[in-house]
Amino acid sequence: APGTIRGDFGVDIGRNVVHGSDSLETA
């Protein structure tokens, strides 16, 4: 969605700008 980091700055899945943990365990 617009307003998200990837929505505002990304186009290709392989250049999606950021990584973020998907769970507390992963974090």
PDB file of all heavy atoms in Angstrom:
ATOM      1  N   ALA A   1       0.825  -1.203   0.000  1.00  0.00           N
ATOM      2  CA  ALA A   1       0.000   0.000   0.000  1.00  0.00           C
ATOM      3  C   ALA A   1       0.866   1.262   0.000  1.00  0.00           C
ATOM      4  O   ALA A   1       1.946   1.274   0.594  1.00  0.00           O
ATOM      5  CB  ALA A   1      -0.906  -0.006   1.226  1.00  0.00           C
ATOM      6  N   PRO A   2       0.395   2.321  -0.652  1.00  0.00           N
ATOM      7  CA  PRO A   2       1.064   3.607  -0.513  1.00  0.00           C
ATOM      8  C   PRO A   2       1.121   3.977   0.971  1.00  0.00           C
ATOM      9  O   PRO A   2       0.205   3.666   1.726  1.00  0.00           O
ATOM     10  CB  PRO A   2       0.160   4.570  -1.283  1.00  0.00           C
ATOM     11  CG  PRO A   2      -0.590   3.698  -2.237  1.00  0.00           C
ATOM     12  CD  PRO A   2      -0.781   2.384  -1.519  1.00  0.00           C
ATOM     13  N   GLY A   3       2.203   4.603   1.359  1.00  0.00           N
ATOM     14  CA  GLY A   3       2.391   4.943   2.766  1.00  0.00           C
ATOM     15  C   GLY A   3       3.294   3.966   3.487  1.00  0.00           C
ATOM     16  O   GLY A   3       3.852   4.290   4.524  1.00  0.00           O
ATOM     17  N   THR A   4       3.465   2.768   2.920  1.00  0.00           N
ATOM     18  CA  THR A   4       4.434   1.830   3.475  1.00  0.00           C
ATOM     19  C   THR A   4       5.789   2.109   2.827  1.00  0.00           C
ATOM     20  O   THR A   4       5.870   2.732   1.764  1.00  0.00           O
ATOM     21  CB  THR A   4       4.039   0.360   3.218  1.00  0.00           C
ATOM     22  OG1 THR A   4       4.065   0.107   1.807  1.00  0.00           O
ATOM     23  CG2 THR A   4       2.646   0.043   3.774  1.00  0.00           C
ATOM     24  N   ILE A   5       6.837   1.653   3.460  1.00  0.00           N
ATOM     25  CA  ILE A   5       8.182   1.902   2.921  1.00  0.00           C
ATOM     26  C   ILE A   5       8.334   1.262   1.551  1.00  0.00           C
ATOM     27  O   ILE A   5       8.770   1.915   0.594  1.00  0.00           O
ATOM     28  CB  ILE A   5       9.253   1.418   3.915  1.00  0.00           C
ATOM     29  CG1 ILE A   5       9.220   2.308   5.172  1.00  0.00           C
ATOM     30  CG2 ILE A   5      10.643   1.421   3.277  1.00  0.00           C
ATOM     31  CD1 ILE A   5      10.002   1.773   6.350  1.00  0.00           C
ATOM     32  N   ARG A   6       7.952   0.001   1.431  1.00  0.00           N
ATOM     33  CA  ARG A   6       8.077  -0.663   0.129  1.00  0.00           C
ATOM     34  C   ARG A   6       7.084  -0.113  -0.882  1.00  0.00           C
ATOM     35  O   ARG A   6       7.390  -0.017  -2.079  1.00  0.00           O
ATOM     36  CB  ARG A   6       7.899  -2.170   0.296  1.00  0.00           C
ATOM     37  CG  ARG A   6       9.054  -2.812   1.045  1.00  0.00           C
ATOM     38  CD  ARG A   6       8.773  -4.265   1.323  1.00  0.00           C
ATOM     39  NE  ARG A   6       9.896  -4.932   1.961  1.00  0.00           N
ATOM     40  CZ  ARG A   6       9.761  -5.985   2.762  1.00  0.00           C
ATOM     41  NH1 ARG A   6       8.572  -6.493   2.998  1.00  0.00           N
ATOM     42  NH2 ARG A   6      10.826  -6.539   3.300  1.00  0.00           N
ATOM     43  N   GLY A   7       5.896   0.269  -0.442  1.00  0.00           N
ATOM     44  CA  GLY A   7       4.898   0.855  -1.331  1.00  0.00           C
ATOM     45  C   GLY A   7       5.323   2.201  -1.867  1.00  0.00           C
ATOM     46  O   GLY A   7       4.987   2.570  -2.992  1.00  0.00           O
ATOM     47  N   ASP A   8       6.069   2.940  -1.071  1.00  0.00           N
ATOM     48  CA  ASP A   8       6.513   4.270  -1.499  1.00  0.00           C
ATOM     49  C   ASP A   8       7.823   4.244  -2.281  1.00  0.00           C
ATOM     50  O   ASP A   8       8.053   5.124  -3.113  1.00  0.00           O
ATOM     51  CB  ASP A   8       6.696   5.191  -0.285  1.00  0.00           C
ATOM     52  CG  ASP A   8       5.374   5.594   0.344  1.00  0.00           C
ATOM     53  OD1 ASP A   8       4.312   5.344  -0.251  1.00  0.00           O
ATOM     54  OD2 ASP A   8       5.417   6.159   1.456  1.00  0.00           O
ATOM     55  N   PHE A   9       8.687   3.257  -2.016  1.00  0.00           N
ATOM     56  CA  PHE A   9      10.037   3.302  -2.580  1.00  0.00           C
ATOM     57  C   PHE A   9      10.426   2.095  -3.425  1.00  0.00           C
ATOM     58  O   PHE A   9      11.509   2.091  -3.989  1.00  0.00           O
ATOM     59  CB  PHE A   9      11.075   3.478  -1.465  1.00  0.00           C
ATOM     60  CG  PHE A   9      10.853   4.710  -0.639  1.00  0.00           C
ATOM     61  CD1 PHE A   9      10.536   4.619   0.700  1.00  0.00           C
ATOM     62  CD2 PHE A   9      10.951   5.975  -1.215  1.00  0.00           C
ATOM     63  CE1 PHE A   9      10.328   5.753   1.462  1.00  0.00           C
ATOM     64  CE2 PHE A   9      10.741   7.116  -0.454  1.00  0.00           C
ATOM     65  CZ  PHE A   9      10.425   7.002   0.887  1.00  0.00           C
ATOM     66  N   GLY A  10       9.591   1.081  -3.520  1.00  0.00           N
ATOM     67  CA  GLY A  10       9.981  -0.127  -4.243  1.00  0.00           C
ATOM     68  C   GLY A  10       9.143  -0.392  -5.467  1.00  0.00           C
ATOM     69  O   GLY A  10       8.015   0.075  -5.585  1.00  0.00           O
ATOM     70  N   VAL A  11       9.707  -1.176  -6.385  1.00  0.00           N
ATOM     71  CA  VAL A  11       8.990  -1.641  -7.570  1.00  0.00           C
ATOM     72  C   VAL A  11       9.212  -3.140  -7.733  1.00  0.00           C
ATOM     73  O   VAL A  11       8.268  -3.901  -7.831  1.00  0.00           O
ATOM     74  CB  VAL A  11       9.443  -0.883  -8.852  1.00  0.00           C
ATOM     75  CG1 VAL A  11       8.756  -1.456 -10.079  1.00  0.00           C
ATOM     76  CG2 VAL A  11       9.147   0.604  -8.733  1.00  0.00           C
ATOM     77  N   ASP A  12      10.470  -3.578  -7.752  1.00  0.00           N
ATOM     78  CA  ASP A  12      10.799  -4.988  -7.937  1.00  0.00           C
ATOM     79  C   ASP A  12      10.978  -5.695  -6.599  1.00  0.00           C
ATOM     80  O   ASP A  12      11.555  -5.121  -5.661  1.00  0.00           O
ATOM     81  CB  ASP A  12      12.096  -5.141  -8.745  1.00  0.00           C
ATOM     82  CG  ASP A  12      11.878  -4.988 -10.230  1.00  0.00           C
ATOM     83  OD1 ASP A  12      10.758  -5.257 -10.708  1.00  0.00           O
ATOM     84  OD2 ASP A  12      12.837  -4.610 -10.926  1.00  0.00           O
ATOM     85  N   ILE A  13      10.551  -6.946  -6.534  1.00  0.00           N
ATOM     86  CA  ILE A  13      10.660  -7.727  -5.305  1.00  0.00           C
ATOM     87  C   ILE A  13      12.119  -7.901  -4.881  1.00  0.00           C
ATOM     88  O   ILE A  13      12.427  -7.931  -3.692  1.00  0.00           O
ATOM     89  CB  ILE A  13       9.939  -9.092  -5.449  1.00  0.00           C
ATOM     90  CG1 ILE A  13       9.722  -9.727  -4.080  1.00  0.00           C
ATOM     91  CG2 ILE A  13      10.685 -10.013  -6.398  1.00  0.00           C
ATOM     92  CD1 ILE A  13       8.760 -10.899  -4.107  1.00  0.00           C
ATOM     93  N   GLY A  14      13.029  -7.965  -5.840  1.00  0.00           N
ATOM     94  CA  GLY A  14      14.447  -8.125  -5.537  1.00  0.00           C
ATOM     95  C   GLY A  14      15.141  -6.838  -5.133  1.00  0.00           C
ATOM     96  O   GLY A  14      16.323  -6.840  -4.809  1.00  0.00           O
ATOM     97  N   ARG A  15      14.422  -5.737  -5.152  1.00  0.00           N
ATOM     98  CA  ARG A  15      14.950  -4.436  -4.732  1.00  0.00           C
ATOM     99  C   ARG A  15      13.881  -3.760  -3.868  1.00  0.00           C
ATOM    100  O   ARG A  15      13.389  -2.691  -4.170  1.00  0.00           O
ATOM    101  CB  ARG A  15      15.292  -3.544  -5.936  1.00  0.00           C
ATOM    102  CG  ARG A  15      16.342  -4.105  -6.867  1.00  0.00           C
ATOM    103  CD  ARG A  15      17.723  -4.170  -6.215  1.00  0.00           C
ATOM    104  NE  ARG A  15      18.737  -4.644  -7.138  1.00  0.00           N
ATOM    105  CZ  ARG A  15      19.048  -5.926  -7.322  1.00  0.00           C
ATOM    106  NH1 ARG A  15      18.420  -6.873  -6.659  1.00  0.00           N
ATOM    107  NH2 ARG A  15      20.004  -6.263  -8.167  1.00  0.00           N
ATOM    108  N   ASN A  16      13.543  -4.433  -2.769  1.00  0.00           N
ATOM    109  CA  ASN A  16      12.440  -3.940  -1.940  1.00  0.00           C
ATOM    110  C   ASN A  16      12.902  -3.141  -0.721  1.00  0.00           C
ATOM    111  O   ASN A  16      12.172  -2.980   0.241  1.00  0.00           O
ATOM    112  CB  ASN A  16      11.487  -5.070  -1.554  1.00  0.00           C
ATOM    113  CG  ASN A  16      12.123  -6.120  -0.673  1.00  0.00           C
ATOM    114  OD1 ASN A  16      13.270  -5.999  -0.247  1.00  0.00           O
ATOM    115  ND2 ASN A  16      11.366  -7.160  -0.380  1.00  0.00           N
ATOM    116  N   VAL A  17      14.132  -2.657  -0.737  1.00  0.00           N
ATOM    117  CA  VAL A  17      14.670  -1.623   0.145  1.00  0.00           C
ATOM    118  C   VAL A  17      14.976  -2.074   1.568  1.00  0.00           C
ATOM    119  O   VAL A  17      15.986  -1.681   2.130  1.00  0.00           O
ATOM    120  CB  VAL A  17      13.742  -0.374   0.167  1.00  0.00           C
ATOM    121  CG1 VAL A  17      14.297   0.728   1.043  1.00  0.00           C
ATOM    122  CG2 VAL A  17      13.467   0.127  -1.229  1.00  0.00           C
ATOM    123  N   VAL A  18      14.108  -2.884   2.181  1.00  0.00           N
ATOM    124  CA  VAL A  18      14.264  -3.220   3.601  1.00  0.00           C
ATOM    125  C   VAL A  18      13.933  -4.681   3.880  1.00  0.00           C
ATOM    126  O   VAL A  18      13.196  -5.322   3.139  1.00  0.00           O
ATOM    127  CB  VAL A  18      13.362  -2.342   4.495  1.00  0.00           C
ATOM    128  CG1 VAL A  18      13.868  -0.934   4.601  1.00  0.00           C
ATOM    129  CG2 VAL A  18      11.933  -2.355   4.015  1.00  0.00           C
ATOM    130  N   HIS A  19      14.479  -5.143   4.998  1.00  0.00           N
ATOM    131  CA  HIS A  19      14.118  -6.449   5.551  1.00  0.00           C
ATOM    132  C   HIS A  19      13.596  -6.202   6.953  1.00  0.00           C
ATOM    133  O   HIS A  19      14.101  -5.331   7.661  1.00  0.00           O
ATOM    134  CB  HIS A  19      15.346  -7.366   5.632  1.00  0.00           C
ATOM    135  CG  HIS A  19      15.111  -8.557   6.510  1.00  0.00           C
ATOM    136  ND1 HIS A  19      14.529  -9.709   6.051  1.00  0.00           N
ATOM    137  CD2 HIS A  19      15.345  -8.739   7.837  1.00  0.00           C
ATOM    138  CE1 HIS A  19      14.432 -10.567   7.061  1.00  0.00           C
ATOM    139  NE2 HIS A  19      14.913 -10.004   8.151  1.00  0.00           N
ATOM    140  N   GLY A  20      12.603  -6.966   7.367  1.00  0.00           N
ATOM    141  CA  GLY A  20      12.110  -6.887   8.737  1.00  0.00           C
ATOM    142  C   GLY A  20      11.734  -8.251   9.254  1.00  0.00           C
ATOM    143  O   GLY A  20      11.210  -9.086   8.510  1.00  0.00           O
ATOM    144  N   SER A  21      12.005  -8.492  10.512  1.00  0.00           N
ATOM    145  CA  SER A  21      11.657  -9.764  11.140  1.00  0.00           C
ATOM    146  C   SER A  21      10.162 -10.015  11.033  1.00  0.00           C
ATOM    147  O   SER A  21       9.352  -9.100  11.175  1.00  0.00           O
ATOM    148  CB  SER A  21      12.049  -9.748  12.618  1.00  0.00           C
ATOM    149  OG  SER A  21      13.427  -9.537  12.776  1.00  0.00           O
ATOM    150  N   ASP A  22       9.792 -11.286  10.801  1.00  0.00           N
ATOM    151  CA  ASP A  22       8.379 -11.627  10.632  1.00  0.00           C
ATOM    152  C   ASP A  22       7.737 -12.212  11.884  1.00  0.00           C
ATOM    153  O   ASP A  22       6.545 -12.480  11.901  1.00  0.00           O
ATOM    154  CB  ASP A  22       8.181 -12.550   9.437  1.00  0.00           C
ATOM    155  CG  ASP A  22       8.931 -13.872   9.577  1.00  0.00           C
ATOM    156  OD1 ASP A  22       9.547 -14.127  10.625  1.00  0.00           O
ATOM    157  OD2 ASP A  22       8.893 -14.658   8.612  1.00  0.00           O
ATOM    158  N   SER A  23       8.525 -12.443  12.938  1.00  0.00           N
ATOM    159  CA  SER A  23       7.981 -12.960  14.194  1.00  0.00           C
ATOM    160  C   SER A  23       8.950 -12.597  15.317  1.00  0.00           C
ATOM    161  O   SER A  23      10.108 -12.245  15.063  1.00  0.00           O
ATOM    162  CB  SER A  23       7.805 -14.482  14.135  1.00  0.00           C
ATOM    163  OG  SER A  23       9.074 -15.121  14.128  1.00  0.00           O
ATOM    164  N   LEU A  24       8.479 -12.711  16.533  1.00  0.00           N
ATOM    165  CA  LEU A  24       9.337 -12.428  17.680  1.00  0.00           C
ATOM    166  C   LEU A  24      10.514 -13.395  17.729  1.00  0.00           C
ATOM    167  O   LEU A  24      11.648 -12.995  18.004  1.00  0.00           O
ATOM    168  CB  LEU A  24       8.519 -12.500  18.972  1.00  0.00           C
ATOM    169  CG  LEU A  24       9.185 -12.001  20.236  1.00  0.00           C
ATOM    170  CD1 LEU A  24       9.735 -10.603  20.070  1.00  0.00           C
ATOM    171  CD2 LEU A  24       8.214 -12.060  21.400  1.00  0.00           C
ATOM    172  N   GLU A  25      10.271 -14.663  17.417  1.00  0.00           N
ATOM    173  CA  GLU A  25      11.336 -15.668  17.415  1.00  0.00           C
ATOM    174  C   GLU A  25      12.386 -15.346  16.354  1.00  0.00           C
ATOM    175  O   GLU A  25      13.585 -15.446  16.603  1.00  0.00           O
ATOM    176  CB  GLU A  25      10.763 -17.074  17.191  1.00  0.00           C
ATOM    177  CG  GLU A  25       9.840 -17.550  18.282  1.00  0.00           C
ATOM    178  CD  GLU A  25       8.437 -16.941  18.247  1.00  0.00           C
ATOM    179  OE1 GLU A  25       7.999 -16.458  17.171  1.00  0.00           O
ATOM    180  OE2 GLU A  25       7.790 -16.930  19.311  1.00  0.00           O
ATOM    181  N   THR A  26      11.931 -14.969  15.171  1.00  0.00           N
ATOM    182  CA  THR A  26      12.853 -14.595  14.099  1.00  0.00           C
ATOM    183  C   THR A  26      13.643 -13.352  14.491  1.00  0.00           C
ATOM    184  O   THR A  26      14.850 -13.268  14.255  1.00  0.00           O
ATOM    185  CB  THR A  26      12.091 -14.352  12.782  1.00  0.00           C
ATOM    186  OG1 THR A  26      11.389 -15.546  12.426  1.00  0.00           O
ATOM    187  CG2 THR A  26      13.031 -13.977  11.654  1.00  0.00           C
ATOM    188  N   ALA A  27      12.973 -12.394  15.112  1.00  0.00           N
ATOM    189  CA  ALA A  27      13.652 -11.162  15.542  1.00  0.00           C
ATOM    190  C   ALA A  27      14.773 -11.484  16.521  1.00  0.00           C
ATOM    191  O   ALA A  27      15.887 -10.972  16.381  1.00  0.00           O
ATOM    192  CB  ALA A  27      12.649 -10.202  16.177  1.00  0.00           C
TER     193      ALA A  27
END
